[in-house]
N, C-alpha and C. Protein backbone atom coordinates (compact mmCIF):
# COMPACT_ATOMS: atom_id res chain seq x y z
N MET A 1 17.50 -4.62 11.64
CA MET A 1 16.15 -4.24 11.45
C MET A 1 15.18 -5.63 11.53
N TYR A 2 15.65 -6.52 10.52
CA TYR A 2 14.84 -7.68 10.21
C TYR A 2 14.83 -8.55 11.63
N ASP A 3 15.86 -8.57 12.35
CA ASP A 3 15.92 -9.43 13.56
C ASP A 3 15.08 -8.88 14.67
N ILE A 4 14.68 -7.58 14.66
CA ILE A 4 13.65 -6.84 15.44
C ILE A 4 12.41 -7.35 15.18
N ARG A 5 11.90 -7.29 13.97
CA ARG A 5 10.78 -7.65 13.44
C ARG A 5 10.46 -9.10 13.61
N HIS A 6 11.38 -9.92 13.38
CA HIS A 6 11.42 -11.46 13.55
C HIS A 6 11.12 -11.92 14.92
N THR A 7 11.58 -11.08 15.63
CA THR A 7 11.46 -11.41 17.29
C THR A 7 10.00 -10.96 17.47
N ARG A 8 9.69 -10.04 17.19
CA ARG A 8 8.31 -9.38 17.46
C ARG A 8 7.07 -10.22 17.07
N LEU A 9 7.21 -10.64 15.73
CA LEU A 9 6.23 -11.43 15.12
C LEU A 9 6.27 -12.68 15.79
N THR A 10 7.25 -13.21 16.20
CA THR A 10 7.39 -14.56 16.87
C THR A 10 6.78 -14.45 18.16
N LYS A 11 7.24 -13.34 18.87
CA LYS A 11 6.53 -13.13 20.48
C LYS A 11 4.84 -12.98 20.13
N TRP A 12 4.50 -12.33 19.41
CA TRP A 12 3.12 -12.20 19.04
C TRP A 12 2.36 -13.56 18.93
N LEU A 13 2.94 -14.38 17.90
CA LEU A 13 2.28 -15.67 17.61
C LEU A 13 2.48 -16.60 18.83
N ASN A 14 3.55 -16.49 19.21
CA ASN A 14 3.72 -17.43 20.60
C ASN A 14 2.96 -17.08 21.57
N ASP A 15 2.49 -15.69 21.87
CA ASP A 15 1.56 -15.25 22.68
C ASP A 15 0.31 -15.48 22.39
N GLU A 16 -0.07 -16.32 21.27
CA GLU A 16 -1.43 -16.68 20.63
C GLU A 16 -2.29 -15.32 20.16
N VAL A 17 -1.68 -14.36 19.77
CA VAL A 17 -2.14 -13.19 19.20
C VAL A 17 -2.67 -13.92 17.93
N PRO A 18 -3.87 -13.79 17.43
CA PRO A 18 -4.59 -14.14 16.37
C PRO A 18 -3.62 -13.89 15.02
N PRO A 19 -3.41 -15.10 14.13
CA PRO A 19 -2.27 -14.92 12.95
C PRO A 19 -2.85 -13.75 12.13
N ALA A 20 -4.14 -13.66 11.96
CA ALA A 20 -4.65 -12.53 11.01
C ALA A 20 -4.32 -11.11 11.42
N GLN A 21 -4.28 -10.97 12.84
CA GLN A 21 -4.03 -9.52 13.55
C GLN A 21 -2.46 -9.56 13.11
N VAL A 22 -1.79 -10.41 13.55
CA VAL A 22 -0.20 -10.36 13.25
C VAL A 22 0.09 -10.00 11.94
N ALA A 23 -0.58 -10.62 11.05
CA ALA A 23 -0.34 -10.33 9.62
C ALA A 23 -0.62 -8.99 9.14
N ASP A 24 -1.71 -8.39 9.87
CA ASP A 24 -2.00 -7.34 9.40
C ASP A 24 -1.04 -6.08 9.99
N TRP A 25 -0.75 -6.25 11.07
CA TRP A 25 0.33 -5.38 11.83
C TRP A 25 1.67 -5.40 11.16
N ALA A 26 1.96 -6.78 10.48
CA ALA A 26 3.11 -6.90 9.78
C ALA A 26 2.96 -6.33 8.41
N SER A 27 1.95 -6.04 7.95
CA SER A 27 1.55 -5.89 6.61
C SER A 27 1.91 -7.06 5.77
N ASP A 28 1.50 -8.14 6.00
CA ASP A 28 1.67 -9.40 5.36
C ASP A 28 0.45 -10.38 5.16
N SER A 29 0.49 -11.37 4.38
CA SER A 29 -0.75 -12.06 4.33
C SER A 29 -0.57 -13.19 5.53
N VAL A 30 -1.70 -13.75 5.64
CA VAL A 30 -1.82 -14.72 6.68
C VAL A 30 -1.12 -15.98 5.99
N PRO A 31 -1.19 -16.40 4.85
CA PRO A 31 -0.40 -17.58 4.32
C PRO A 31 1.12 -17.42 4.42
N VAL A 32 1.51 -16.28 3.93
CA VAL A 32 2.82 -16.05 4.02
C VAL A 32 3.39 -15.97 5.46
N LEU A 33 2.64 -15.42 6.49
CA LEU A 33 3.08 -15.47 7.89
C LEU A 33 3.17 -16.98 8.21
N LEU A 34 2.21 -17.74 8.27
CA LEU A 34 2.14 -18.94 8.73
C LEU A 34 3.32 -20.06 7.94
N ALA A 35 3.47 -19.69 6.77
CA ALA A 35 4.67 -20.41 6.16
C ALA A 35 5.91 -19.95 6.62
N THR A 36 6.01 -18.77 7.28
CA THR A 36 7.41 -18.17 7.60
C THR A 36 7.72 -18.67 8.89
N TYR A 37 6.59 -18.61 9.76
CA TYR A 37 6.42 -19.01 11.47
C TYR A 37 5.76 -20.07 11.74
N PRO A 38 5.83 -21.14 11.11
CA PRO A 38 4.85 -22.35 11.37
C PRO A 38 4.92 -22.84 12.83
N ARG A 39 6.52 -22.80 13.46
CA ARG A 39 6.39 -23.33 14.62
C ARG A 39 5.93 -22.56 15.63
N CYS A 40 5.43 -21.24 15.51
CA CYS A 40 4.94 -20.28 16.46
C CYS A 40 3.35 -20.59 16.70
N VAL A 41 2.79 -21.30 15.74
CA VAL A 41 1.27 -21.71 16.08
C VAL A 41 1.28 -23.15 16.27
N ASP A 42 2.26 -23.95 16.12
CA ASP A 42 2.23 -25.46 16.35
C ASP A 42 1.54 -25.76 17.92
N GLY A 43 0.51 -26.22 17.97
CA GLY A 43 -0.05 -26.62 19.19
C GLY A 43 -1.12 -25.89 19.46
N GLN A 44 -1.52 -24.78 18.85
CA GLN A 44 -2.56 -23.90 19.11
C GLN A 44 -3.94 -24.49 18.53
N LEU A 45 -3.81 -25.44 17.57
CA LEU A 45 -5.01 -25.98 16.69
C LEU A 45 -5.88 -26.48 17.72
N PRO A 46 -5.98 -27.20 18.94
CA PRO A 46 -7.10 -27.51 19.52
C PRO A 46 -7.72 -26.33 20.10
N ASP A 47 -7.02 -25.22 20.79
CA ASP A 47 -7.58 -23.99 21.15
C ASP A 47 -8.26 -23.19 20.01
N LEU A 48 -7.95 -22.98 18.68
CA LEU A 48 -8.43 -22.56 17.66
C LEU A 48 -9.79 -23.27 17.41
N LYS A 49 -9.69 -24.80 17.46
CA LYS A 49 -11.00 -25.25 16.93
C LYS A 49 -12.13 -25.01 18.15
N LEU A 50 -11.59 -25.12 19.39
CA LEU A 50 -12.83 -24.53 20.55
C LEU A 50 -13.14 -23.34 20.23
N TRP A 51 -12.48 -22.22 19.90
CA TRP A 51 -12.91 -20.92 19.70
C TRP A 51 -13.79 -21.07 18.50
N LEU A 52 -13.53 -21.52 17.28
CA LEU A 52 -14.41 -21.60 16.08
C LEU A 52 -15.63 -22.40 16.53
N GLU A 53 -15.62 -23.41 17.15
CA GLU A 53 -16.87 -24.10 17.44
C GLU A 53 -17.82 -23.34 18.28
N ALA A 54 -17.11 -22.67 19.38
CA ALA A 54 -18.03 -21.71 20.17
C ALA A 54 -18.60 -20.52 19.35
N ALA A 55 -17.97 -20.15 18.42
CA ALA A 55 -18.58 -18.97 17.44
C ALA A 55 -19.44 -19.43 16.44
N GLY A 56 -19.42 -20.89 16.33
CA GLY A 56 -20.21 -21.41 15.39
C GLY A 56 -19.92 -21.55 13.82
N ASP A 57 -18.49 -21.42 13.65
CA ASP A 57 -17.91 -21.16 12.22
C ASP A 57 -17.11 -22.35 11.93
N LEU A 58 -17.43 -23.54 12.58
CA LEU A 58 -16.57 -24.64 12.08
C LEU A 58 -17.71 -25.54 11.83
N PRO A 59 -17.75 -26.08 10.55
CA PRO A 59 -18.88 -26.87 10.02
C PRO A 59 -18.51 -28.27 10.93
N GLU A 60 -19.79 -29.02 10.83
CA GLU A 60 -19.68 -30.66 11.26
C GLU A 60 -18.95 -31.23 10.25
N ARG A 61 -18.09 -32.19 10.87
CA ARG A 61 -17.59 -33.19 10.14
C ARG A 61 -18.68 -34.35 9.89
N PRO A 62 -18.85 -34.46 8.38
CA PRO A 62 -19.83 -35.61 8.06
C PRO A 62 -19.26 -37.10 8.63
N ASP A 63 -20.08 -37.79 8.97
CA ASP A 63 -19.64 -39.19 9.42
C ASP A 63 -19.14 -39.96 8.46
N VAL A 64 -18.09 -40.53 8.57
CA VAL A 64 -17.39 -41.62 7.69
C VAL A 64 -17.64 -42.67 8.10
N GLY A 65 -18.13 -43.57 7.37
CA GLY A 65 -17.96 -45.08 7.91
C GLY A 65 -18.63 -46.10 7.23
């Protein structure tokens, strides 16, 4: 049974279903989900940043220099 759950969660994350949604479906927390399946969301950060910037939820980075 665990293998089926693991396969399904991995597929959802690899298919770029938002981790918060996958965690909800799995009755788990996002930190636990991401700690367990970190490779599934690897490489999705640029897309997530674009999505957050478009939504206006990503604060501007202060200039350092």
